[in-house]
């Protein structure tokens, strides 16, 4: 088994996860938000050992910008030589726009 790569979260991705939790809290089903975020984090953990497992983001077609699809979410990340940076966690129907 190869070495694992460090995973970091951009502030935008952390805000996205908080928004997911807040939304389901407002809907009076916080357990749904917690379950979704737990699933997202579990998928992100897989990237440490398998950083190429996500597909290239179709809007940009850059090999270093990839995404995991966990319906209804897109986990967008940047694959660098020694680390992975989680950029966004968006609902899958949203088009990705980088600042």
PDB file of N, CA and C in Angstrom:
ATOM      1  N   UNK A   1       0.835  -1.188   0.000  1.00  0.00           N
ATOM      2  CA  UNK A   1       0.000   0.000   0.000  1.00  0.00           C
ATOM      3  C   UNK A   1       0.878   1.248   0.000  1.00  0.00           C
ATOM      4  N   UNK A   2       0.557   2.251  -0.823  1.00  0.00           N
ATOM      5  CA  UNK A   2       1.346   3.470  -0.924  1.00  0.00           C
ATOM      6  C   UNK A   2       1.124   4.395   0.261  1.00  0.00           C
ATOM      7  N   UNK A   3       1.907   5.452   0.250  1.00  0.00           N
ATOM      8  CA  UNK A   3       1.767   6.402   1.350  1.00  0.00           C
ATOM      9  C   UNK A   3       0.515   7.256   1.160  1.00  0.00           C
ATOM     10  N   UNK A   4       0.013   7.758   2.271  1.00  0.00           N
ATOM     11  CA  UNK A   4      -1.177   8.586   2.212  1.00  0.00           C
ATOM     12  C   UNK A   4      -0.794  10.049   2.061  1.00  0.00           C
ATOM     13  N   UNK A   5      -1.615  10.774   1.367  1.00  0.00           N
ATOM     14  CA  UNK A   5      -1.400  12.191   1.102  1.00  0.00           C
ATOM     15  C   UNK A   5      -2.245  13.000   2.090  1.00  0.00           C
ATOM     16  N   UNK A   6      -1.697  14.106   2.560  1.00  0.00           N
ATOM     17  CA  UNK A   6      -2.413  14.972   3.498  1.00  0.00           C
ATOM     18  C   UNK A   6      -3.589  15.655   2.803  1.00  0.00           C
ATOM     19  N   UNK A   7      -4.671  15.824   3.562  1.00  0.00           N
ATOM     20  CA  UNK A   7      -5.873  16.483   3.048  1.00  0.00           C
ATOM     21  C   UNK A   7      -6.104  17.759   3.845  1.00  0.00           C
ATOM     22  N   UNK A   8      -6.345  18.851   3.126  1.00  0.00           N
ATOM     23  CA  UNK A   8      -6.628  20.146   3.737  1.00  0.00           C
ATOM     24  C   UNK A   8      -7.973  20.643   3.208  1.00  0.00           C
ATOM     25  N   UNK A   9      -8.623  21.494   3.977  1.00  0.00           N
ATOM     26  CA  UNK A   9      -9.900  22.060   3.575  1.00  0.00           C
ATOM     27  C   UNK A   9      -9.772  23.562   3.374  1.00  0.00           C
ATOM     28  N   UNK A  10     -10.218  24.044   2.227  1.00  0.00           N
ATOM     29  CA  UNK A  10     -10.310  25.483   2.004  1.00  0.00           C
ATOM     30  C   UNK A  10     -11.450  26.020   2.873  1.00  0.00           C
ATOM     31  N   UNK A  11     -11.375  27.291   3.226  1.00  0.00           N
ATOM     32  CA  UNK A  11     -12.442  27.910   4.022  1.00  0.00           C
ATOM     33  C   UNK A  11     -13.790  27.759   3.317  1.00  0.00           C
ATOM     34  N   UNK A  12     -13.785  27.823   1.990  1.00  0.00           N
ATOM     35  CA  UNK A  12     -15.030  27.697   1.222  1.00  0.00           C
ATOM     36  C   UNK A  12     -15.666  26.318   1.423  1.00  0.00           C
ATOM     37  N   UNK A  13     -14.849  25.272   1.487  1.00  0.00           N
ATOM     38  CA  UNK A  13     -15.374  23.915   1.686  1.00  0.00           C
ATOM     39  C   UNK A  13     -15.927  23.754   3.100  1.00  0.00           C
ATOM     40  N   UNK A  14     -15.227  24.314   4.085  1.00  0.00           N
ATOM     41  CA  UNK A  14     -15.724  24.249   5.464  1.00  0.00           C
ATOM     42  C   UNK A  14     -17.060  24.991   5.587  1.00  0.00           C
ATOM     43  N   UNK A  15     -17.164  26.138   4.919  1.00  0.00           N
ATOM     44  CA  UNK A  15     -18.421  26.891   4.933  1.00  0.00           C
ATOM     45  C   UNK A  15     -19.539  26.082   4.270  1.00  0.00           C
ATOM     46  N   UNK A  16     -19.214  25.374   3.183  1.00  0.00           N
ATOM     47  CA  UNK A  16     -20.209  24.536   2.512  1.00  0.00           C
ATOM     48  C   UNK A  16     -20.739  23.459   3.458  1.00  0.00           C
ATOM     49  N   UNK A  17     -19.848  22.808   4.204  1.00  0.00           N
ATOM     50  CA  UNK A  17     -20.274  21.758   5.142  1.00  0.00           C
ATOM     51  C   UNK A  17     -21.144  22.349   6.249  1.00  0.00           C
ATOM     52  N   UNK A  18     -20.783  23.529   6.729  1.00  0.00           N
ATOM     53  CA  UNK A  18     -21.606  24.193   7.746  1.00  0.00           C
ATOM     54  C   UNK A  18     -22.980  24.541   7.192  1.00  0.00           C
ATOM     55  N   UNK A  19     -23.042  24.978   5.947  1.00  0.00           N
ATOM     56  CA  UNK A  19     -24.326  25.306   5.320  1.00  0.00           C
ATOM     57  C   UNK A  19     -25.219  24.076   5.206  1.00  0.00           C
ATOM     58  N   UNK A  20     -24.628  22.935   4.900  1.00  0.00           N
ATOM     59  CA  UNK A  20     -25.398  21.695   4.817  1.00  0.00           C
ATOM     60  C   UNK A  20     -26.007  21.395   6.181  1.00  0.00           C
ATOM     61  N   UNK A  21     -25.198  21.457   7.223  1.00  0.00           N
ATOM     62  CA  UNK A  21     -25.697  21.192   8.578  1.00  0.00           C
ATOM     63  C   UNK A  21     -26.770  22.205   8.975  1.00  0.00           C
ATOM     64  N   UNK A  22     -26.537  23.476   8.670  1.00  0.00           N
ATOM     65  CA  UNK A  22     -27.518  24.520   9.004  1.00  0.00           C
ATOM     66  C   UNK A  22     -28.838  24.309   8.287  1.00  0.00           C
ATOM     67  N   UNK A  23     -28.772  23.961   7.010  1.00  0.00           N
ATOM     68  CA  UNK A  23     -29.989  23.757   6.222  1.00  0.00           C
ATOM     69  C   UNK A  23     -30.864  22.671   6.853  1.00  0.00           C
ATOM     70  N   UNK A  24     -30.270  21.535   7.169  1.00  0.00           N
ATOM     71  CA  UNK A  24     -31.060  20.441   7.723  1.00  0.00           C
ATOM     72  C   UNK A  24     -31.494  20.725   9.158  1.00  0.00           C
ATOM     73  N   UNK A  25     -30.744  21.538   9.874  1.00  0.00           N
ATOM     74  CA  UNK A  25     -31.173  21.988  11.205  1.00  0.00           C
ATOM     75  C   UNK A  25     -32.439  22.836  11.072  1.00  0.00           C
ATOM     76  N   UNK A  26     -32.435  23.749  10.083  1.00  0.00           N
ATOM     77  CA  UNK A  26     -33.602  24.600   9.831  1.00  0.00           C
ATOM     78  C   UNK A  26     -34.819  23.786   9.399  1.00  0.00           C
ATOM     79  N   UNK A  27     -34.573  22.654   8.736  1.00  0.00           N
ATOM     80  CA  UNK A  27     -35.670  21.783   8.293  1.00  0.00           C
ATOM     81  C   UNK A  27     -36.139  20.850   9.416  1.00  0.00           C
ATOM     82  N   UNK A  28     -35.547  20.993  10.596  1.00  0.00           N
ATOM     83  CA  UNK A  28     -35.889  20.189  11.784  1.00  0.00           C
ATOM     84  C   UNK A  28     -35.520  18.717  11.636  1.00  0.00           C
ATOM     85  N   UNK A  29     -34.519  18.439  10.790  1.00  0.00           N
ATOM     86  CA  UNK A  29     -34.002  17.070  10.656  1.00  0.00           C
ATOM     87  C   UNK A  29     -32.470  17.110  10.696  1.00  0.00           C
ATOM     88  N   UNK A  30     -31.904  17.556  11.826  1.00  0.00           N
ATOM     89  CA  UNK A  30     -30.450  17.696  11.888  1.00  0.00           C
ATOM     90  C   UNK A  30     -29.711  16.379  11.679  1.00  0.00           C
ATOM     91  N   UNK A  31     -30.344  15.266  12.012  1.00  0.00           N
ATOM     92  CA  UNK A  31     -29.695  13.970  11.834  1.00  0.00           C
ATOM     93  C   UNK A  31     -29.431  13.674  10.359  1.00  0.00           C
ATOM     94  N   UNK A  32     -30.266  14.178   9.477  1.00  0.00           N
ATOM     95  CA  UNK A  32     -30.044  13.989   8.037  1.00  0.00           C
ATOM     96  C   UNK A  32     -28.786  14.738   7.612  1.00  0.00           C
ATOM     97  N   UNK A  33     -28.643  15.982   8.052  1.00  0.00           N
ATOM     98  CA  UNK A  33     -27.453  16.758   7.725  1.00  0.00           C
ATOM     99  C   UNK A  33     -26.200  16.115   8.284  1.00  0.00           C
ATOM    100  N   UNK A  34     -26.281  15.616   9.517  1.00  0.00           N
ATOM    101  CA  UNK A  34     -25.123  14.964  10.124  1.00  0.00           C
ATOM    102  C   UNK A  34     -24.741  13.702   9.368  1.00  0.00           C
ATOM    103  N   UNK A  35     -25.747  12.942   8.927  1.00  0.00           N
ATOM    104  CA  UNK A  35     -25.471  11.718   8.162  1.00  0.00           C
ATOM    105  C   UNK A  35     -24.829  12.052   6.810  1.00  0.00           C
ATOM    106  N   UNK A  36     -25.338  13.090   6.145  1.00  0.00           N
ATOM    107  CA  UNK A  36     -24.772  13.496   4.855  1.00  0.00           C
ATOM    108  C   UNK A  36     -23.331  13.969   5.005  1.00  0.00           C
ATOM    109  N   UNK A  37     -23.076  14.815   5.994  1.00  0.00           N
ATOM    110  CA  UNK A  37     -21.719  15.321   6.194  1.00  0.00           C
ATOM    111  C   UNK A  37     -20.777  14.191   6.584  1.00  0.00           C
ATOM    112  N   UNK A  38     -21.234  13.252   7.388  1.00  0.00           N
ATOM    113  CA  UNK A  38     -20.396  12.093   7.744  1.00  0.00           C
ATOM    114  C   UNK A  38     -20.024  11.291   6.503  1.00  0.00           C
ATOM    115  N   UNK A  39     -20.981  11.102   5.585  1.00  0.00           N
ATOM    116  CA  UNK A  39     -20.707  10.384   4.337  1.00  0.00           C
ATOM    117  C   UNK A  39     -19.723  11.133   3.456  1.00  0.00           C
ATOM    118  N   UNK A  40     -19.876  12.442   3.407  1.00  0.00           N
ATOM    119  CA  UNK A  40     -18.956  13.277   2.623  1.00  0.00           C
ATOM    120  C   UNK A  40     -17.539  13.149   3.185  1.00  0.00           C
ATOM    121  N   UNK A  41     -17.407  13.255   4.505  1.00  0.00           N
ATOM    122  CA  UNK A  41     -16.083  13.163   5.130  1.00  0.00           C
ATOM    123  C   UNK A  41     -15.469  11.779   4.943  1.00  0.00           C
ATOM    124  N   UNK A  42     -16.287  10.736   4.977  1.00  0.00           N
ATOM    125  CA  UNK A  42     -15.775   9.374   4.756  1.00  0.00           C
ATOM    126  C   UNK A  42     -15.231   9.234   3.339  1.00  0.00           C
ATOM    127  N   UNK A  43     -15.938   9.798   2.356  1.00  0.00           N
ATOM    128  CA  UNK A  43     -15.445   9.742   0.971  1.00  0.00           C
ATOM    129  C   UNK A  43     -14.156  10.548   0.822  1.00  0.00           C
ATOM    130  N   UNK A  44     -14.093  11.694   1.480  1.00  0.00           N
ATOM    131  CA  UNK A  44     -12.886  12.523   1.407  1.00  0.00           C
ATOM    132  C   UNK A  44     -11.692  11.781   1.984  1.00  0.00           C
ATOM    133  N   UNK A  45     -11.899  11.032   3.069  1.00  0.00           N
ATOM    134  CA  UNK A  45     -10.806  10.264   3.670  1.00  0.00           C
ATOM    135  C   UNK A  45     -10.205   9.262   2.691  1.00  0.00           C
ATOM    136  N   UNK A  46     -11.007   8.722   1.782  1.00  0.00           N
ATOM    137  CA  UNK A  46     -10.512   7.770   0.785  1.00  0.00           C
ATOM    138  C   UNK A  46      -9.484   8.402  -0.148  1.00  0.00           C
ATOM    139  N   UNK A  47      -9.591   9.712  -0.340  1.00  0.00           N
ATOM    140  CA  UNK A  47      -8.666  10.402  -1.240  1.00  0.00           C
ATOM    141  C   UNK A  47      -7.222  10.345  -0.752  1.00  0.00           C
ATOM    142  N   UNK A  48      -7.003  10.216   0.549  1.00  0.00           N
ATOM    143  CA  UNK A  48      -5.633  10.180   1.081  1.00  0.00           C
ATOM    144  C   UNK A  48      -4.847   9.020   0.477  1.00  0.00           C
ATOM    145  N   UNK A  49      -5.511   7.900   0.244  1.00  0.00           N
ATOM    146  CA  UNK A  49      -4.848   6.734  -0.337  1.00  0.00           C
ATOM    147  C   UNK A  49      -5.074   6.621  -1.844  1.00  0.00           C
ATOM    148  N   UNK A  50      -6.133   7.261  -2.344  1.00  0.00           N
ATOM    149  CA  UNK A  50      -6.485   7.145  -3.758  1.00  0.00           C
ATOM    150  C   UNK A  50      -6.794   8.533  -4.342  1.00  0.00           C
ATOM    151  N   UNK A  51      -5.802   9.402  -4.422  1.00  0.00           N
ATOM    152  CA  UNK A  51      -6.062  10.788  -4.822  1.00  0.00           C
ATOM    153  C   UNK A  51      -6.581  10.969  -6.247  1.00  0.00           C
ATOM    154  N   UNK A  52      -6.409   9.970  -7.085  1.00  0.00           N
ATOM    155  CA  UNK A  52      -6.867  10.083  -8.476  1.00  0.00           C
ATOM    156  C   UNK A  52      -8.268   9.505  -8.676  1.00  0.00           C
ATOM    157  N   UNK A  53      -8.940   9.110  -7.595  1.00  0.00           N
ATOM    158  CA  UNK A  53     -10.219   8.425  -7.748  1.00  0.00           C
ATOM    159  C   UNK A  53     -11.340   9.321  -8.283  1.00  0.00           C
ATOM    160  N   UNK A  54     -11.217  10.621  -8.110  1.00  0.00           N
ATOM    161  CA  UNK A  54     -12.241  11.519  -8.626  1.00  0.00           C
ATOM    162  C   UNK A  54     -12.053  11.787 -10.110  1.00  0.00           C
ATOM    163  N   UNK A  55     -13.126  12.192 -10.731  1.00  0.00           N
ATOM    164  CA  UNK A  55     -13.036  12.527 -12.161  1.00  0.00           C
ATOM    165  C   UNK A  55     -12.598  13.980 -12.319  1.00  0.00           C
ATOM    166  N   UNK A  56     -12.071  14.300 -13.482  1.00  0.00           N
ATOM    167  CA  UNK A  56     -11.717  15.671 -13.803  1.00  0.00           C
ATOM    168  C   UNK A  56     -13.020  16.477 -13.858  1.00  0.00           C
ATOM    169  N   UNK A  57     -13.011  17.676 -13.266  1.00  0.00           N
ATOM    170  CA  UNK A  57     -14.201  18.531 -13.270  1.00  0.00           C
ATOM    171  C   UNK A  57     -14.484  18.951 -14.710  1.00  0.00           C
ATOM    172  N   UNK A  58     -15.647  18.568 -15.253  1.00  0.00           N
ATOM    173  CA  UNK A  58     -15.913  18.825 -16.675  1.00  0.00           C
ATOM    174  C   UNK A  58     -15.917  20.295 -17.063  1.00  0.00           C
ATOM    175  N   UNK A  59     -16.285  21.190 -16.142  1.00  0.00           N
ATOM    176  CA  UNK A  59     -16.321  22.610 -16.482  1.00  0.00           C
ATOM    177  C   UNK A  59     -14.936  23.190 -16.766  1.00  0.00           C
ATOM    178  N   UNK A  60     -13.883  22.530 -16.273  1.00  0.00           N
ATOM    179  CA  UNK A  60     -12.543  23.096 -16.409  1.00  0.00           C
ATOM    180  C   UNK A  60     -11.568  22.211 -17.168  1.00  0.00           C
ATOM    181  N   UNK A  61     -11.766  20.890 -17.136  1.00  0.00           N
ATOM    182  CA  UNK A  61     -10.905  19.940 -17.826  1.00  0.00           C
ATOM    183  C   UNK A  61      -9.427  20.126 -17.479  1.00  0.00           C
ATOM    184  N   UNK A  62      -9.148  20.360 -16.197  1.00  0.00           N
ATOM    185  CA  UNK A  62      -7.777  20.438 -15.691  1.00  0.00           C
ATOM    186  C   UNK A  62      -7.525  19.191 -14.866  1.00  0.00           C
ATOM    187  N   UNK A  63      -6.431  18.485 -15.145  1.00  0.00           N
ATOM    188  CA  UNK A  63      -6.172  17.226 -14.453  1.00  0.00           C
ATOM    189  C   UNK A  63      -6.049  17.389 -12.943  1.00  0.00           C
ATOM    190  N   UNK A  64      -5.587  18.548 -12.492  1.00  0.00           N
ATOM    191  CA  UNK A  64      -5.395  18.730 -11.059  1.00  0.00           C
ATOM    192  C   UNK A  64      -6.685  19.094 -10.321  1.00  0.00           C
ATOM    193  N   UNK A  65      -7.735  19.466 -11.030  1.00  0.00           N
ATOM    194  CA  UNK A  65      -9.012  19.815 -10.401  1.00  0.00           C
ATOM    195  C   UNK A  65      -9.999  18.675 -10.631  1.00  0.00           C
ATOM    196  N   UNK A  66     -10.321  17.982  -9.556  1.00  0.00           N
ATOM    197  CA  UNK A  66     -11.128  16.764  -9.654  1.00  0.00           C
ATOM    198  C   UNK A  66     -12.338  16.853  -8.746  1.00  0.00           C
ATOM    199  N   UNK A  67     -13.236  15.890  -8.911  1.00  0.00           N
ATOM    200  CA  UNK A  67     -14.416  15.862  -8.053  1.00  0.00           C
ATOM    201  C   UNK A  67     -14.871  14.437  -7.795  1.00  0.00           C
ATOM    202  N   UNK A  68     -15.437  14.274  -6.618  1.00  0.00           N
ATOM    203  CA  UNK A  68     -16.143  13.045  -6.268  1.00  0.00           C
ATOM    204  C   UNK A  68     -17.619  13.381  -6.316  1.00  0.00           C
ATOM    205  N   UNK A  69     -18.400  12.473  -6.816  1.00  0.00           N
ATOM    206  CA  UNK A  69     -19.840  12.665  -6.846  1.00  0.00           C
ATOM    207  C   UNK A  69     -20.450  11.788  -5.765  1.00  0.00           C
ATOM    208  N   UNK A  70     -21.117  12.431  -4.826  1.00  0.00           N
ATOM    209  CA  UNK A  70     -21.839  11.748  -3.761  1.00  0.00           C
ATOM    210  C   UNK A  70     -23.228  12.369  -3.765  1.00  0.00           C
ATOM    211  N   UNK A  71     -24.112  11.860  -4.628  1.00  0.00           N
ATOM    212  CA  UNK A  71     -25.411  12.509  -4.816  1.00  0.00           C
ATOM    213  C   UNK A  71     -26.085  12.839  -3.486  1.00  0.00           C
ATOM    214  N   UNK A  72     -26.571  14.072  -3.362  1.00  0.00           N
ATOM    215  CA  UNK A  72     -26.658  15.122  -4.388  1.00  0.00           C
ATOM    216  C   UNK A  72     -25.481  16.092  -4.359  1.00  0.00           C
ATOM    217  N   UNK A  73     -24.313  15.665  -3.892  1.00  0.00           N
ATOM    218  CA  UNK A  73     -23.189  16.579  -3.721  1.00  0.00           C
ATOM    219  C   UNK A  73     -22.022  16.294  -4.656  1.00  0.00           C
ATOM    220  N   UNK A  74     -21.302  17.373  -4.959  1.00  0.00           N
ATOM    221  CA  UNK A  74     -20.041  17.317  -5.682  1.00  0.00           C
ATOM    222  C   UNK A  74     -18.968  17.761  -4.701  1.00  0.00           C
ATOM    223  N   UNK A  75     -17.978  16.921  -4.495  1.00  0.00           N
ATOM    224  CA  UNK A  75     -16.848  17.254  -3.630  1.00  0.00           C
ATOM    225  C   UNK A  75     -15.698  17.611  -4.570  1.00  0.00           C
ATOM    226  N   UNK A  76     -15.413  18.896  -4.692  1.00  0.00           N
ATOM    227  CA  UNK A  76     -14.406  19.371  -5.637  1.00  0.00           C
ATOM    228  C   UNK A  76     -13.088  19.546  -4.896  1.00  0.00           C
ATOM    229  N   UNK A  77     -12.024  18.972  -5.467  1.00  0.00           N
ATOM    230  CA  UNK A  77     -10.721  19.068  -4.821  1.00  0.00           C
ATOM    231  C   UNK A  77      -9.608  19.306  -5.823  1.00  0.00           C
ATOM    232  N   UNK A  78      -8.533  19.877  -5.293  1.00  0.00           N
ATOM    233  CA  UNK A  78      -7.336  20.121  -6.094  1.00  0.00           C
ATOM    234  C   UNK A  78      -6.285  19.105  -5.680  1.00  0.00           C
ATOM    235  N   UNK A  79      -5.750  18.399  -6.654  1.00  0.00           N
ATOM    236  CA  UNK A  79      -4.738  17.367  -6.419  1.00  0.00           C
ATOM    237  C   UNK A  79      -3.378  17.955  -6.730  1.00  0.00           C
ATOM    238  N   UNK A  80      -2.594  18.213  -5.699  1.00  0.00           N
ATOM    239  CA  UNK A  80      -1.221  18.680  -5.876  1.00  0.00           C
ATOM    240  C   UNK A  80      -0.282  17.512  -5.606  1.00  0.00           C
ATOM    241  N   UNK A  81       1.004  17.713  -5.799  1.00  0.00           N
ATOM    242  CA  UNK A  81       1.978  16.624  -5.660  1.00  0.00           C
ATOM    243  C   UNK A  81       1.960  15.992  -4.272  1.00  0.00           C
ATOM    244  N   UNK A  82       1.878  16.789  -3.227  1.00  0.00           N
ATOM    245  CA  UNK A  82       1.996  16.261  -1.876  1.00  0.00           C
ATOM    246  C   UNK A  82       0.774  16.471  -1.005  1.00  0.00           C
ATOM    247  N   UNK A  83      -0.309  16.986  -1.581  1.00  0.00           N
ATOM    248  CA  UNK A  83      -1.497  17.214  -0.769  1.00  0.00           C
ATOM    249  C   UNK A  83      -2.750  17.309  -1.626  1.00  0.00           C
ATOM    250  N   UNK A  84      -3.862  17.202  -0.944  1.00  0.00           N
ATOM    251  CA  UNK A  84      -5.176  17.387  -1.560  1.00  0.00           C
ATOM    252  C   UNK A  84      -5.847  18.528  -0.818  1.00  0.00           C
ATOM    253  N   UNK A  85      -6.427  19.433  -1.561  1.00  0.00           N
ATOM    254  CA  UNK A  85      -7.141  20.555  -0.952  1.00  0.00           C
ATOM    255  C   UNK A  85      -8.604  20.466  -1.381  1.00  0.00           C
ATOM    256  N   UNK A  86      -9.487  20.269  -0.415  1.00  0.00           N
ATOM    257  CA  UNK A  86     -10.922  20.243  -0.700  1.00  0.00           C
ATOM    258  C   UNK A  86     -11.345  21.686  -0.926  1.00  0.00           C
ATOM    259  N   UNK A  87     -11.902  21.950  -2.109  1.00  0.00           N
ATOM    260  CA  UNK A  87     -12.223  23.318  -2.506  1.00  0.00           C
ATOM    261  C   UNK A  87     -13.683  23.660  -2.214  1.00  0.00           C
ATOM    262  N   UNK A  88     -14.595  22.798  -2.631  1.00  0.00           N
ATOM    263  CA  UNK A  88     -16.032  23.049  -2.446  1.00  0.00           C
ATOM    264  C   UNK A  88     -16.757  21.738  -2.216  1.00  0.00           C
ATOM    265  N   UNK A  89     -17.897  21.834  -1.560  1.00  0.00           N
ATOM    266  CA  UNK A  89     -18.831  20.716  -1.427  1.00  0.00           C
ATOM    267  C   UNK A  89     -20.189  21.305  -1.801  1.00  0.00           C
ATOM    268  N   UNK A  90     -20.583  21.073  -3.045  1.00  0.00           N
ATOM    269  CA  UNK A  90     -21.786  21.697  -3.589  1.00  0.00           C
ATOM    270  C   UNK A  90     -22.810  20.671  -3.994  1.00  0.00           C
ATOM    271  N   UNK A  91     -24.054  21.127  -4.042  1.00  0.00           N
ATOM    272  CA  UNK A  91     -25.101  20.287  -4.610  1.00  0.00           C
ATOM    273  C   UNK A  91     -24.739  20.030  -6.066  1.00  0.00           C
ATOM    274  N   UNK A  92     -24.921  18.812  -6.534  1.00  0.00           N
ATOM    275  CA  UNK A  92     -24.412  18.399  -7.841  1.00  0.00           C
ATOM    276  C   UNK A  92     -25.020  19.151  -9.020  1.00  0.00           C
ATOM    277  N   UNK A  93     -26.187  19.740  -8.846  1.00  0.00           N
ATOM    278  CA  UNK A  93     -26.766  20.440  -9.992  1.00  0.00           C
ATOM    279  C   UNK A  93     -26.170  21.833 -10.202  1.00  0.00           C
ATOM    280  N   UNK A  94     -25.355  22.298  -9.269  1.00  0.00           N
ATOM    281  CA  UNK A  94     -24.739  23.622  -9.404  1.00  0.00           C
ATOM    282  C   UNK A  94     -23.503  23.528 -10.296  1.00  0.00           C
ATOM    283  N   UNK A  95     -23.345  24.516 -11.142  1.00  0.00           N
ATOM    284  CA  UNK A  95     -22.145  24.605 -11.958  1.00  0.00           C
ATOM    285  C   UNK A  95     -21.047  25.209 -11.099  1.00  0.00           C
ATOM    286  N   UNK A  96     -19.835  24.746 -11.261  1.00  0.00           N
ATOM    287  CA  UNK A  96     -18.712  25.211 -10.459  1.00  0.00           C
ATOM    288  C   UNK A  96     -18.159  26.506 -11.049  1.00  0.00           C
ATOM    289  N   UNK A  97     -17.970  27.494 -10.184  1.00  0.00           N
ATOM    290  CA  UNK A  97     -17.352  28.753 -10.576  1.00  0.00           C
ATOM    291  C   UNK A  97     -16.300  29.055  -9.523  1.00  0.00           C
ATOM    292  N   UNK A  98     -15.060  29.177  -9.954  1.00  0.00           N
ATOM    293  CA  UNK A  98     -13.977  29.493  -9.015  1.00  0.00           C
ATOM    294  C   UNK A  98     -13.808  30.991  -8.939  1.00  0.00           C
ATOM    295  N   UNK A  99     -13.525  31.508  -7.722  1.00  0.00           N
ATOM    296  CA  UNK A  99     -13.342  32.948  -7.561  1.00  0.00           C
ATOM    297  C   UNK A  99     -12.105  33.453  -8.274  1.00  0.00           C
TER     298      UNK A  99
END
